[in-house]
């Protein structure tokens, strides 16, 4: 198994059968810490596997109901757990313009509280972008349309590679290169100045009146 396409085929084969911890460990060859499965409308399964080596697989498997399509639809996201945490959940990754100019794509947890939303839009989001702006180019992918990204929230942190599916160009990426980049980014985000800046953002939020966060 050398490329992400090889892993995609392995993931598809696993998703066709039972989603047990024992089967996952036997199938992928890594010790499994946990596995969670949810189903939607009977033809879609979401499978999240956490391995003891800190890698994760998030699998979306769609049972094919179209007789004209030869294969079931499957995609996966390979991630690496990190100790990065955030008071507000965010998902940030590199994205590229047509001419190759990179920029930040950022999403934060949605809130119905108008006061919270104003604080996040006017204070937290700009501050978070300022931290990531000088390093976001490091999250550029290995091909033209792929990327690396970060998810951080109260109880977990994850560095991830772009979802791989049949029609994605980056399914040809070598697994070793992807894993090396994930480890490189993990070390980058552990640098003291970056952690200090991110912690400072969370500290500023904690100094706001408690009524702002009353429903979190």
Protein backbone atom coordinates (compact mmCIF):
# COMPACT_ATOMS: atom_id res chain seq x y z
CA UNK A 1 0.00 0.00 0.00
CA UNK A 2 1.77 3.15 -1.24
CA UNK A 3 -0.75 5.76 -2.35
CA UNK A 4 -3.90 7.33 -0.95
CA UNK A 5 -5.79 5.53 -3.72
CA UNK A 6 -4.56 2.22 -2.30
CA UNK A 7 -5.86 3.31 1.10
CA UNK A 8 -9.15 4.38 -0.48
CA UNK A 9 -9.66 0.87 -1.84
CA UNK A 10 -8.83 -0.59 1.57
CA UNK A 11 -11.28 1.80 3.22
CA UNK A 12 -14.02 0.91 0.71
CA UNK A 13 -13.50 -2.80 1.31
CA UNK A 14 -13.72 -2.30 5.07
CA UNK A 15 -16.86 -0.17 4.81
CA UNK A 16 -18.66 -2.89 2.86
CA UNK A 17 -18.51 -5.19 5.87
CA UNK A 18 -19.06 -5.02 9.63
CA UNK A 19 -17.77 -1.91 11.40
CA UNK A 20 -16.20 -3.53 14.44
CA UNK A 21 -13.06 -2.58 16.33
CA UNK A 22 -11.60 -6.02 15.76
CA UNK A 23 -12.23 -5.90 12.01
CA UNK A 24 -10.71 -2.42 11.75
CA UNK A 25 -7.58 -3.53 13.56
CA UNK A 26 -7.23 -6.60 11.38
CA UNK A 27 -7.96 -4.67 8.19
CA UNK A 28 -5.65 -1.67 8.68
CA UNK A 29 -2.93 -3.30 10.78
CA UNK A 30 -2.92 -0.59 13.50
CA UNK A 31 -4.17 -1.05 17.05
CA UNK A 32 -7.60 0.57 17.37
CA UNK A 33 -8.49 2.69 20.39
CA UNK A 34 -12.08 3.41 19.40
CA UNK A 35 -14.56 3.19 16.54
CA UNK A 36 -17.88 5.00 16.17
CA UNK A 37 -20.49 4.44 13.47
CA UNK A 38 -23.58 6.45 12.56
CA UNK A 39 -26.02 5.79 9.73
CA UNK A 40 -28.25 8.19 7.81
CA UNK A 41 -31.37 7.17 5.91
CA UNK A 42 -30.15 3.62 5.54
CA UNK A 43 -27.74 4.19 2.63
CA UNK A 44 -25.04 6.38 4.22
CA UNK A 45 -22.63 5.38 6.98
CA UNK A 46 -20.16 7.62 8.78
CA UNK A 47 -17.32 5.73 10.44
CA UNK A 48 -14.76 7.36 12.74
CA UNK A 49 -11.76 5.28 13.75
CA UNK A 50 -9.16 6.38 16.28
CA UNK A 51 -5.92 4.40 16.32
CA UNK A 52 -3.55 4.08 19.26
CA UNK A 53 -0.76 5.71 17.21
CA UNK A 54 -2.87 8.94 17.21
CA UNK A 55 -3.94 8.67 13.57
CA UNK A 56 -7.62 8.78 12.67
CA UNK A 57 -9.81 7.82 9.74
CA UNK A 58 -13.15 9.45 9.06
CA UNK A 59 -15.04 7.44 6.42
CA UNK A 60 -18.20 8.38 4.55
CA UNK A 61 -19.70 5.42 2.73
CA UNK A 62 -22.74 5.64 0.47
CA UNK A 63 -24.40 2.40 -0.57
CA UNK A 64 -24.98 2.66 -4.33
CA UNK A 65 -28.65 2.46 -5.30
CA UNK A 66 -27.96 3.36 -8.95
CA UNK A 67 -27.50 0.24 -11.11
CA UNK A 68 -25.66 2.36 -13.69
CA UNK A 69 -22.81 3.04 -11.26
CA UNK A 70 -20.36 0.14 -10.78
CA UNK A 71 -19.09 1.11 -7.32
CA UNK A 72 -20.47 2.32 -4.03
CA UNK A 73 -19.39 5.88 -3.21
CA UNK A 74 -16.71 6.19 -0.57
CA UNK A 75 -14.42 8.93 0.75
CA UNK A 76 -12.12 9.24 3.73
CA UNK A 77 -10.15 11.81 5.67
CA UNK A 78 -6.83 10.87 7.29
CA UNK A 79 -5.99 12.85 10.42
CA UNK A 80 -3.49 13.06 13.25
CA UNK A 81 -4.61 13.87 16.79
CA UNK A 82 -2.84 16.80 18.47
CA UNK A 83 -3.02 18.39 21.91
CA UNK A 84 -4.16 21.73 20.47
CA UNK A 85 -7.39 22.95 22.12
CA UNK A 86 -9.69 25.94 21.68
CA UNK A 87 -12.54 27.47 23.69
CA UNK A 88 -14.41 28.00 20.41
CA UNK A 89 -14.47 25.20 17.86
CA UNK A 90 -12.82 26.13 14.59
CA UNK A 91 -11.84 24.46 11.32
CA UNK A 92 -9.10 26.21 9.35
CA UNK A 93 -7.20 25.19 6.22
CA UNK A 94 -5.27 26.45 3.26
CA UNK A 95 -7.08 27.20 0.03
CA UNK A 96 -5.70 28.44 -3.28
CA UNK A 97 -6.90 30.98 -5.79
CA UNK A 98 -6.78 30.10 -9.51
CA UNK A 99 -3.40 31.82 -9.82
CA UNK A 100 -1.95 30.00 -6.85
CA UNK A 101 -2.27 32.76 -4.27
CA UNK A 102 -3.05 31.05 -0.99
CA UNK A 103 -5.58 32.23 1.54
CA UNK A 104 -7.19 31.09 4.79
CA UNK A 105 -10.54 29.33 4.86
CA UNK A 106 -11.95 29.44 8.39
CA UNK A 107 -15.17 28.15 9.91
CA UNK A 108 -16.20 28.47 13.55
CA UNK A 109 -18.94 26.88 15.62
CA UNK A 110 -22.34 28.39 14.91
CA UNK A 111 -24.18 30.22 17.67
CA UNK A 112 -27.71 31.61 17.97
CA UNK A 113 -26.62 34.19 20.53
CA UNK A 114 -26.26 37.51 18.70
CA UNK A 115 -23.84 38.94 21.26
CA UNK A 116 -21.59 35.91 20.96
CA UNK A 117 -21.66 36.15 17.18
CA UNK A 118 -20.60 39.80 17.21
CA UNK A 119 -17.71 39.08 19.60
CA UNK A 120 -16.52 36.16 17.49
CA UNK A 121 -16.76 38.03 14.18
CA UNK A 122 -15.17 41.25 15.37
CA UNK A 123 -12.56 39.94 17.80
CA UNK A 124 -11.90 36.21 17.76
CA UNK A 125 -11.89 35.47 14.02
CA UNK A 126 -9.51 38.32 13.03
CA UNK A 127 -7.16 37.42 15.90
CA UNK A 128 -7.18 33.74 14.90
CA UNK A 129 -6.46 34.59 11.28
CA UNK A 130 -3.56 36.79 12.33
CA UNK A 131 -1.96 33.85 14.13
CA UNK A 132 -2.35 31.49 11.19
CA UNK A 133 -1.64 33.99 8.39
CA UNK A 134 2.19 33.70 8.44
CA UNK A 135 2.11 29.89 8.62
CA UNK A 136 -0.91 28.95 6.49
CA UNK A 137 1.27 28.35 3.41
CA UNK A 138 2.71 25.40 5.34
CA UNK A 139 -0.74 23.82 5.07
CA UNK A 140 -0.65 23.84 1.28
CA UNK A 141 -1.33 20.41 -0.20
CA UNK A 142 0.75 18.12 -2.37
CA UNK A 143 -1.32 18.69 -5.52
CA UNK A 144 -3.21 21.64 -7.01
CA UNK A 145 -6.53 21.31 -5.16
CA UNK A 146 -5.77 19.47 -1.93
CA UNK A 147 -4.90 20.94 1.46
CA UNK A 148 -4.06 20.30 5.07
CA UNK A 149 -6.10 21.74 7.91
CA UNK A 150 -6.74 21.95 11.64
CA UNK A 151 -9.80 21.32 13.80
CA UNK A 152 -9.60 22.54 17.39
CA UNK A 153 -12.23 22.52 20.13
CA UNK A 154 -12.50 22.09 23.89
CA UNK A 155 -11.89 18.36 24.04
CA UNK A 156 -9.84 17.54 20.96
CA UNK A 157 -7.48 18.76 18.28
CA UNK A 158 -6.90 17.27 14.85
CA UNK A 159 -4.63 17.98 11.90
CA UNK A 160 -6.12 16.50 8.73
CA UNK A 161 -5.55 15.96 5.02
CA UNK A 162 -8.16 16.83 2.39
CA UNK A 163 -10.90 14.19 1.85
CA UNK A 164 -9.89 11.54 -0.68
CA UNK A 165 -12.45 10.17 -3.13
CA UNK A 166 -12.48 8.52 -6.56
CA UNK A 167 -12.50 11.78 -8.51
CA UNK A 168 -9.88 13.62 -6.42
CA UNK A 169 -6.50 14.19 -8.04
CA UNK A 170 -4.68 13.77 -4.76
CA UNK A 171 -5.62 10.12 -4.43
CA UNK A 172 -2.27 9.63 -6.19
CA UNK A 173 -0.39 11.23 -3.26
CA UNK A 174 1.95 8.89 -1.44
CA UNK A 175 0.77 7.89 2.03
CA UNK A 176 4.24 8.40 3.51
CA UNK A 177 4.37 12.00 2.26
CA UNK A 178 0.95 12.76 3.73
CA UNK A 179 1.87 11.28 7.11
CA UNK A 180 5.20 13.13 7.13
CA UNK A 181 3.43 16.44 6.49
CA UNK A 182 0.89 15.77 9.25
CA UNK A 183 3.73 15.15 11.71
CA UNK A 184 5.55 18.27 10.48
CA UNK A 185 2.47 20.42 11.01
CA UNK A 186 1.94 18.92 14.46
CA UNK A 187 5.44 20.03 15.46
CA UNK A 188 4.88 23.45 13.89
CA UNK A 189 1.72 24.06 15.93
CA UNK A 190 3.56 23.09 19.12
CA UNK A 191 6.06 25.93 18.74
CA UNK A 192 5.87 28.13 21.87
CA UNK A 193 5.13 31.40 20.07
CA UNK A 194 2.19 29.89 18.19
CA UNK A 195 0.73 28.20 21.26
CA UNK A 196 1.17 31.42 23.24
CA UNK A 197 -0.66 33.46 20.59
CA UNK A 198 -3.54 30.96 20.39
CA UNK A 199 -3.78 30.75 24.19
CA UNK A 200 -3.87 34.56 24.33
CA UNK A 201 -6.91 34.56 22.03
CA UNK A 202 -8.76 32.18 24.32
CA UNK A 203 -7.71 34.20 27.38
CA UNK A 204 -9.18 37.37 25.91
CA UNK A 205 -12.50 35.57 25.47
CA UNK A 206 -12.45 34.35 29.06
CA UNK A 207 -12.14 37.96 30.29
CA UNK A 208 -15.45 38.93 28.73
CA UNK A 209 -18.59 39.09 30.94
CA UNK A 210 -19.97 35.63 31.70
CA UNK A 211 -23.35 36.58 30.23
CA UNK A 212 -21.77 36.49 26.78
CA UNK A 213 -21.10 32.75 27.15
CA UNK A 214 -24.11 31.81 29.23
CA UNK A 215 -25.49 29.29 26.74
CA UNK A 216 -22.24 27.64 25.72
